[in-house]
């Protein structure tokens, strides 16, 4: 049965019983949604207080020529901030995002989801994200060398590996002077064919790898069973080495290049564009540390022609406005500026990226709504900064290019 009425102006409007019920239901749903929204718990504070910001592709426009979360601290940064480029959250869904690296030939980004024991891949052409490698042995830092081969630091197996172009795997380092590594964290390639990597202890915990055997530094009480849920052979070793940095020579020899006394708990590292400097981030005290641990700062060394490091000095204490912006991953641009991920914890507005001149002067910041673990330059022109931040992957275009591959 359909009832009819004449609308003003003579137009006939037909209202069926089903339409009426649908309209009434929609109104009830809207009212119900309003009540639900009114009762929803408070959301975490945004990095932009006015207006609140949605970083997702569905979010409202936020960029009016310049992104409000790309902050110029010194006018020098204006030449590197790309006008009309917005920070975008490309994907979310990791437990702890780390180790972004750009594959120029494949035009994709790979990064680690450490607790989920997998590597993810973002395709540049359509933005598709898929699982790239699982299991990944709780990989952390990734990079690509000058031949386009992927390098990965594995927490679970305590080693650094290289994925060859034919798909096979080469173990670059898993020990030093007969002792097992702790949990390699980040790795970079040098033009001479060597690889440099850091070896802090962060993989010696349940969430990101496997603790030591009973009595080991990260399992001193022996209450943890490091074999649970692991393949055969995992959970049978203990920490044996200090937290050092190493160089893998093209011959395969592993050399100690930075000691724990020089930079405790080393994390991210990168070379300057001319490879005459090595930057090393020192993070906080790790599982099993018996010393004071890192202080959340960045150190720099001069690199000699013989690959020996000298003239160690503090590059930055990473204190900004009285807030400790703990560094993790590091990358240099072609002008030698150092871009560092920032972990400021609950200091909302200081998580993200800090940008420093070669002299150690802070010139810019990028604010993210999550703690940022690591970064890299990518895109076809290598002018897009990718940021692996806690559960998400972010990106923003910049007016410079990254130095070095990956």
Protein backbone atom coordinates (compact mmCIF):
# COMPACT_ATOMS: atom_id res chain seq x y z
CA UNK A 1 0.00 0.00 0.00
CA UNK A 2 1.38 3.41 -0.94
CA UNK A 3 0.04 6.71 0.33
CA UNK A 4 0.42 9.81 -1.81
CA UNK A 5 0.38 13.55 -1.25
CA UNK A 6 0.84 16.62 -3.42
CA UNK A 7 3.99 18.61 -2.72
CA UNK A 8 4.00 22.41 -2.90
CA UNK A 9 4.18 23.67 -6.48
CA UNK A 10 2.21 20.71 -7.78
CA UNK A 11 5.11 18.21 -7.80
CA UNK A 12 4.09 14.80 -6.60
CA UNK A 13 6.17 13.19 -3.87
CA UNK A 14 5.70 9.50 -3.23
CA UNK A 15 6.40 8.22 0.29
CA UNK A 16 6.22 4.47 0.78
CA UNK A 17 5.85 2.71 4.10
CA UNK A 18 9.31 1.19 3.59
CA UNK A 19 10.81 4.64 2.92
CA UNK A 20 9.18 6.00 6.06
CA UNK A 21 10.52 3.15 8.18
CA UNK A 22 13.99 3.57 6.64
CA UNK A 23 13.97 7.29 7.35
CA UNK A 24 12.83 6.70 10.92
CA UNK A 25 15.55 4.05 11.36
CA UNK A 26 18.22 6.40 10.03
CA UNK A 27 17.12 9.04 12.49
CA UNK A 28 17.28 6.59 15.34
CA UNK A 29 20.70 5.45 14.21
CA UNK A 30 21.94 9.03 14.06
CA UNK A 31 20.62 9.68 17.54
CA UNK A 32 22.21 6.49 18.79
CA UNK A 33 25.51 7.42 17.13
CA UNK A 34 25.35 10.82 18.76
CA UNK A 35 24.95 9.22 22.17
CA UNK A 36 27.81 6.82 21.42
CA UNK A 37 30.07 9.64 20.39
CA UNK A 38 29.18 11.60 23.48
CA UNK A 39 30.18 8.62 25.62
CA UNK A 40 33.38 7.76 23.71
CA UNK A 41 36.59 7.88 25.75
CA UNK A 42 38.89 10.85 25.30
CA UNK A 43 41.33 10.55 22.41
CA UNK A 44 45.10 10.97 22.80
CA UNK A 45 46.19 14.58 22.29
CA UNK A 46 47.07 15.57 18.75
CA UNK A 47 50.43 17.01 17.81
CA UNK A 48 48.44 19.96 16.48
CA UNK A 49 46.24 21.35 19.22
CA UNK A 50 44.09 23.54 17.00
CA UNK A 51 42.58 22.02 14.97
CA UNK A 52 42.96 18.33 15.90
CA UNK A 53 44.48 16.37 13.05
CA UNK A 54 43.66 13.15 11.24
CA UNK A 55 46.81 11.93 9.48
CA UNK A 56 45.02 9.27 7.43
CA UNK A 57 44.15 9.69 3.71
CA UNK A 58 40.56 10.26 4.81
CA UNK A 59 41.51 13.18 7.04
CA UNK A 60 40.51 16.77 6.37
CA UNK A 61 43.03 19.03 4.59
CA UNK A 62 45.72 20.32 6.92
CA UNK A 63 48.28 21.80 4.57
CA UNK A 64 47.87 25.39 3.49
CA UNK A 65 51.09 25.68 1.52
CA UNK A 66 53.16 24.49 4.48
CA UNK A 67 52.45 21.54 6.76
CA UNK A 68 51.87 22.73 10.35
CA UNK A 69 53.89 19.79 11.70
CA UNK A 70 56.99 20.51 9.61
CA UNK A 71 58.56 23.10 11.87
CA UNK A 72 61.31 25.55 11.01
CA UNK A 73 63.54 26.07 14.04
CA UNK A 74 66.16 28.01 12.09
CA UNK A 75 65.60 29.78 8.72
CA UNK A 76 68.19 27.42 7.20
CA UNK A 77 65.54 24.71 7.27
CA UNK A 78 63.22 26.59 4.93
CA UNK A 79 65.25 25.46 1.93
CA UNK A 80 64.68 21.81 2.87
CA UNK A 81 60.99 21.91 3.78
CA UNK A 82 58.94 21.23 0.65
CA UNK A 83 56.02 23.68 0.28
CA UNK A 84 52.56 22.18 -0.30
CA UNK A 85 53.66 18.74 0.87
CA UNK A 86 51.66 17.12 3.66
CA UNK A 87 52.71 14.44 6.12
CA UNK A 88 50.73 11.31 5.27
CA UNK A 89 50.13 8.17 7.23
CA UNK A 90 50.61 5.52 4.55
CA UNK A 91 49.69 2.50 6.64
CA UNK A 92 49.10 1.38 10.20
CA UNK A 93 49.03 -2.05 11.81
CA UNK A 94 52.49 -2.99 13.09
CA UNK A 95 53.38 -3.64 16.72
CA UNK A 96 56.70 -1.80 16.48
CA UNK A 97 57.81 -0.38 13.14
CA UNK A 98 61.54 -0.16 12.43
CA UNK A 99 64.20 -0.26 9.76
CA UNK A 100 62.69 1.40 6.65
CA UNK A 101 64.81 0.98 3.53
CA UNK A 102 64.17 2.02 -0.06
CA UNK A 103 64.70 -0.31 -3.01
CA UNK A 104 65.31 1.98 -5.99
CA UNK A 105 65.08 -0.69 -8.67
CA UNK A 106 61.86 -2.24 -7.35
CA UNK A 107 60.44 1.13 -6.26
CA UNK A 108 59.24 -0.20 -2.95
CA UNK A 109 59.88 0.38 0.73
CA UNK A 110 60.63 -2.48 3.10
CA UNK A 111 60.44 -2.13 6.86
CA UNK A 112 60.39 -4.34 9.95
CA UNK A 113 57.56 -5.20 12.30
CA UNK A 114 59.84 -6.63 14.97
CA UNK A 115 57.40 -8.22 17.48
CA UNK A 116 55.30 -9.73 14.67
CA UNK A 117 58.46 -11.32 13.24
CA UNK A 118 57.90 -10.01 9.74
CA UNK A 119 59.01 -7.49 7.16
CA UNK A 120 56.46 -5.36 5.33
CA UNK A 121 56.57 -3.86 1.84
CA UNK A 122 54.91 -0.69 0.52
CA UNK A 123 54.63 -0.39 -3.27
CA UNK A 124 55.19 3.07 -4.70
CA UNK A 125 52.88 2.68 -7.71
CA UNK A 126 49.60 2.00 -5.90
CA UNK A 127 50.38 2.22 -2.19
CA UNK A 128 49.68 -1.47 -1.61
CA UNK A 129 51.14 -2.97 1.57
CA UNK A 130 51.84 -6.68 1.96
CA UNK A 131 53.94 -9.01 4.10
CA UNK A 132 57.33 -9.15 2.42
CA UNK A 133 59.16 -11.72 4.55
CA UNK A 134 57.84 -13.89 7.39
CA UNK A 135 59.43 -15.05 9.57
CA UNK A 136 62.07 -12.35 9.54
CA UNK A 137 63.96 -13.58 12.62
CA UNK A 138 62.72 -10.44 14.39
CA UNK A 139 64.67 -8.24 11.97
CA UNK A 140 65.30 -4.65 13.00
CA UNK A 141 67.38 -2.37 10.77
CA UNK A 142 67.39 -2.83 6.99
CA UNK A 143 69.34 -1.20 4.19
CA UNK A 144 70.41 -1.77 0.59
CA UNK A 145 74.01 -1.84 -0.56
CA UNK A 146 75.50 -0.35 -3.72
CA UNK A 147 74.58 -3.49 -5.68
CA UNK A 148 70.92 -3.33 -4.63
CA UNK A 149 71.10 -6.23 -2.17
CA UNK A 150 69.07 -6.03 1.02
CA UNK A 151 70.88 -6.04 4.35
CA UNK A 152 69.04 -6.98 7.54
CA UNK A 153 69.91 -7.08 11.23
CA UNK A 154 68.24 -10.03 12.96
CA UNK A 155 67.54 -9.97 16.68
CA UNK A 156 66.46 -13.58 17.03
CA UNK A 157 69.47 -15.17 15.32
CA UNK A 158 71.88 -12.43 16.51
CA UNK A 159 73.33 -11.87 13.08
CA UNK A 160 73.58 -9.57 10.04
CA UNK A 161 72.51 -11.07 6.71
CA UNK A 162 72.50 -10.09 3.04
CA UNK A 163 69.77 -11.23 0.65
CA UNK A 164 71.44 -11.99 -2.65
CA UNK A 165 69.91 -11.11 -6.02
CA UNK A 166 69.20 -14.80 -6.67
CA UNK A 167 67.22 -15.09 -3.41
CA UNK A 168 69.85 -16.87 -1.34
CA UNK A 169 71.04 -15.58 2.03
CA UNK A 170 74.58 -14.78 3.10
CA UNK A 171 75.45 -14.43 6.79
CA UNK A 172 77.74 -11.42 7.02
CA UNK A 173 78.37 -11.57 10.77
CA UNK A 174 77.11 -13.55 13.74
CA UNK A 175 80.08 -13.45 16.09
CA UNK A 176 83.21 -11.55 17.04
CA UNK A 177 86.36 -13.32 18.21
CA UNK A 178 84.41 -16.50 18.76
CA UNK A 179 81.61 -14.91 20.81
CA UNK A 180 78.02 -14.52 19.64
CA UNK A 181 76.75 -11.05 18.85
CA UNK A 182 74.07 -9.48 21.08
CA UNK A 183 71.33 -8.39 18.65
CA UNK A 184 72.52 -6.37 15.63
CA UNK A 185 70.38 -3.27 15.26
CA UNK A 186 71.25 -1.17 12.22
CA UNK A 187 73.59 -1.55 9.23
CA UNK A 188 74.99 0.70 6.49
CA UNK A 189 77.06 0.01 3.39
CA UNK A 190 80.36 1.70 2.51
CA UNK A 191 81.58 2.24 -1.09
CA UNK A 192 84.64 0.07 -0.39
CA UNK A 193 82.36 -2.97 -0.05
CA UNK A 194 82.33 -3.10 3.73
CA UNK A 195 79.32 -3.06 6.04
CA UNK A 196 79.16 -1.26 9.36
CA UNK A 197 76.66 -2.22 12.05
CA UNK A 198 75.70 -1.63 15.68
CA UNK A 199 75.18 -4.36 18.27
CA UNK A 200 73.15 -3.27 21.31
CA UNK A 201 71.24 -5.77 23.51
CA UNK A 202 67.60 -4.89 22.73
CA UNK A 203 66.82 -8.22 21.07
CA UNK A 204 67.48 -9.96 24.38
CA UNK A 205 63.88 -9.49 25.47
CA UNK A 206 60.70 -11.46 24.85
CA UNK A 207 58.98 -8.77 22.78
CA UNK A 208 61.70 -8.32 20.14
CA UNK A 209 63.64 -11.58 20.12
CA UNK A 210 64.68 -14.11 22.72
CA UNK A 211 66.15 -13.66 26.22
CA UNK A 212 69.42 -15.26 27.24
CA UNK A 213 69.51 -18.79 28.60
CA UNK A 214 69.07 -19.16 32.34
CA UNK A 215 71.63 -17.07 34.18
CA UNK A 216 72.44 -14.85 31.20
CA UNK A 217 72.45 -11.07 31.66
CA UNK A 218 68.91 -10.62 30.29
CA UNK A 219 67.59 -13.66 32.18
CA UNK A 220 69.61 -13.60 35.36
CA UNK A 221 66.84 -15.06 37.52
CA UNK A 222 66.18 -17.85 35.02
CA UNK A 223 62.41 -17.43 35.24
CA UNK A 224 62.03 -16.91 31.48
CA UNK A 225 62.04 -19.80 29.04
CA UNK A 226 63.65 -18.43 25.86
CA UNK A 227 62.72 -21.53 23.84
CA UNK A 228 58.96 -21.07 24.03
CA UNK A 229 57.42 -20.52 20.61
CA UNK A 230 60.82 -20.57 18.90
CA UNK A 231 62.42 -22.81 16.25
CA UNK A 232 64.87 -25.49 17.32
CA UNK A 233 68.21 -23.98 18.29
CA UNK A 234 66.83 -20.61 19.44
CA UNK A 235 67.08 -19.69 23.12
CA UNK A 236 70.30 -21.58 23.76
CA UNK A 237 72.81 -18.73 23.92
CA UNK A 238 73.63 -15.89 26.27
CA UNK A 239 75.05 -12.41 25.94
CA UNK A 240 78.83 -12.52 25.72
CA UNK A 241 79.92 -9.18 24.30
CA UNK A 242 79.76 -5.50 25.26
CA UNK A 243 77.61 -3.21 23.12
CA UNK A 244 79.94 -2.33 20.26
CA UNK A 245 79.99 -1.24 16.61
CA UNK A 246 81.66 -3.41 13.98
CA UNK A 247 82.87 -3.31 10.39
CA UNK A 248 82.56 -6.32 8.08
CA UNK A 249 85.49 -6.18 5.67
CA UNK A 250 84.96 -7.33 2.06
CA UNK A 251 87.14 -10.32 2.97
CA UNK A 252 84.60 -11.32 5.61
CA UNK A 253 86.71 -10.28 8.60
CA UNK A 254 84.79 -8.56 11.39
CA UNK A 255 86.61 -5.63 13.04
CA UNK A 256 85.70 -3.72 16.18
CA UNK A 257 85.41 -0.01 15.32
CA UNK A 258 83.53 1.59 18.25
CA UNK A 259 83.63 0.25 21.79
CA UNK A 260 80.96 0.39 24.46
CA UNK A 261 83.15 2.80 26.43
CA UNK A 262 83.01 5.22 23.51
CA UNK A 263 79.30 4.89 22.64
CA UNK A 264 77.24 2.70 24.99
CA UNK A 265 74.17 0.99 23.56
CA UNK A 266 74.77 2.10 19.94
CA UNK A 267 71.67 2.11 17.78
CA UNK A 268 71.27 3.95 14.46
CA UNK A 269 74.31 4.89 12.41
CA UNK A 270 75.05 6.57 9.09
CA UNK A 271 77.89 8.08 7.08
CA UNK A 272 78.18 11.66 5.90
CA UNK A 273 77.84 12.07 2.10
CA UNK A 274 81.63 12.05 1.65
CA UNK A 275 82.08 9.08 4.02
CA UNK A 276 84.51 11.07 6.14
CA UNK A 277 82.22 11.04 9.18
CA UNK A 278 80.34 8.31 11.00
CA UNK A 279 77.37 9.26 13.17
CA UNK A 280 76.24 6.85 15.90
CA UNK A 281 73.13 7.21 18.07
CA UNK A 282 73.38 6.06 21.68
CA UNK A 283 70.07 5.02 23.20
CA UNK A 284 68.95 4.00 26.67
CA UNK A 285 70.02 1.15 28.91
CA UNK A 286 69.17 -2.24 27.44
CA UNK A 287 68.35 -5.65 28.93
CA UNK A 288 71.33 -7.14 30.69
CA UNK A 289 73.36 -3.91 30.75
CA UNK A 290 75.58 -3.73 33.81
CA UNK A 291 76.99 -0.28 33.06
CA UNK A 292 75.19 3.06 32.99
CA UNK A 293 73.91 2.55 29.43
CA UNK A 294 73.34 5.17 26.76
CA UNK A 295 72.14 8.70 27.44
CA UNK A 296 70.01 9.25 24.36
CA UNK A 297 72.50 11.32 22.37
CA UNK A 298 74.40 11.30 19.07
CA UNK A 299 78.17 10.93 18.64
CA UNK A 300 80.32 11.55 15.58
CA UNK A 301 83.72 10.22 14.50
CA UNK A 302 86.16 11.12 11.75
CA UNK A 303 86.75 8.23 9.33
CA UNK A 304 90.34 7.79 8.14
CA UNK A 305 91.45 6.40 4.81
CA UNK A 306 92.42 3.24 6.70
CA UNK A 307 88.85 2.96 8.05
CA UNK A 308 90.04 3.82 11.54
CA UNK A 309 87.87 6.18 13.55
CA UNK A 310 89.22 9.13 15.47
CA UNK A 311 88.25 12.41 17.13
CA UNK A 312 85.14 11.11 18.87
CA UNK A 313 82.90 13.94 20.04
CA UNK A 314 79.35 14.55 21.18
CA UNK A 315 77.31 15.74 18.22
CA UNK A 316 74.12 16.52 20.14
CA UNK A 317 72.55 15.68 23.48
CA UNK A 318 69.16 15.82 21.71
CA UNK A 319 67.63 18.09 24.35
CA UNK A 320 65.06 20.38 22.71
CA UNK A 321 63.07 22.88 24.76
CA UNK A 322 64.02 20.89 27.83
CA UNK A 323 62.67 17.65 26.31
CA UNK A 324 64.89 14.64 25.62
CA UNK A 325 64.26 13.66 22.00
CA UNK A 326 65.98 10.30 22.13
CA UNK A 327 67.56 9.40 18.76
CA UNK A 328 67.29 6.04 17.05
CA UNK A 329 67.59 5.82 13.25
CA UNK A 330 69.84 8.28 11.39
CA UNK A 331 70.18 9.42 7.77
CA UNK A 332 72.14 12.20 6.04
CA UNK A 333 70.98 14.28 3.08
CA UNK A 334 73.26 15.30 0.21
CA UNK A 335 74.19 18.55 1.99
CA UNK A 336 75.39 16.66 5.04
CA UNK A 337 72.49 17.53 7.32
CA UNK A 338 71.65 14.79 9.80
CA UNK A 339 68.02 13.64 10.06
CA UNK A 340 67.32 11.68 13.24
CA UNK A 341 64.21 9.90 14.46
CA UNK A 342 62.94 11.18 17.80
CA UNK A 343 61.55 9.26 20.74
CA UNK A 344 60.27 11.76 23.28
CA UNK A 345 57.89 9.31 24.93
CA UNK A 346 54.80 11.03 26.29
CA UNK A 347 56.10 14.51 25.49
CA UNK A 348 53.46 15.03 22.82
CA UNK A 349 54.72 17.18 19.97
CA UNK A 350 58.38 16.15 20.20
CA UNK A 351 58.13 12.67 18.72
CA UNK A 352 59.02 12.45 15.05
CA UNK A 353 62.21 13.70 13.37
CA UNK A 354 64.88 16.25 14.24
CA UNK A 355 67.15 17.85 11.61
CA UNK A 356 70.68 19.06 12.36
CA UNK A 357 73.40 20.81 10.37
CA UNK A 358 76.82 19.13 10.07
CA UNK A 359 77.91 21.45 12.89
CA UNK A 360 75.24 20.08 15.21
CA UNK A 361 72.77 22.97 15.05
CA UNK A 362 69.08 22.11 15.21
CA UNK A 363 67.29 23.66 12.23
CA UNK A 364 64.01 21.77 11.90
CA UNK A 365 61.58 19.26 13.33
CA UNK A 366 58.83 17.01 12.01
CA UNK A 367 56.11 16.19 14.52
CA UNK A 368 54.32 12.84 14.47
CA UNK A 369 51.56 11.50 16.70
CA UNK A 370 53.65 8.41 17.48
CA UNK A 371 57.19 7.67 18.65
CA UNK A 372 59.45 7.45 15.60
CA UNK A 373 61.92 4.56 15.51
CA UNK A 374 63.70 4.96 12.20
CA UNK A 375 63.72 6.85 8.90
CA UNK A 376 65.04 6.72 5.35
CA UNK A 377 64.95 8.72 2.14
CA UNK A 378 63.21 7.11 -0.81
CA UNK A 379 60.93 7.58 -3.76
CA UNK A 380 62.14 7.63 -7.40
CA UNK A 381 63.97 10.92 -6.76
CA UNK A 382 65.00 9.97 -3.21
CA UNK A 383 63.31 13.14 -2.00
CA UNK A 384 60.63 11.54 0.16
CA UNK A 385 61.27 10.95 3.85
CA UNK A 386 59.75 7.71 5.15
CA UNK A 387 59.23 7.42 8.90
CA UNK A 388 58.62 4.14 10.72
CA UNK A 389 56.80 5.23 13.86
CA UNK A 390 55.47 2.73 16.40
CA UNK A 391 52.39 1.22 14.73
CA UNK A 392 52.47 3.23 11.50
CA UNK A 393 54.40 4.27 8.41
CA UNK A 394 54.47 7.98 7.53
CA UNK A 395 55.97 9.95 4.63
CA UNK A 396 56.53 13.53 3.56
CA UNK A 397 58.28 15.05 0.55
CA UNK A 398 61.30 17.25 1.27
CA UNK A 399 63.40 19.60 -0.84
CA UNK A 400 66.57 17.55 -0.72
CA UNK A 401 67.77 14.02 -1.45
CA UNK A 402 69.11 11.32 0.79
CA UNK A 403 72.79 10.45 0.61
CA UNK A 404 73.81 6.86 0.03
CA UNK A 405 71.74 3.88 -1.05
CA UNK A 406 68.77 2.49 0.86
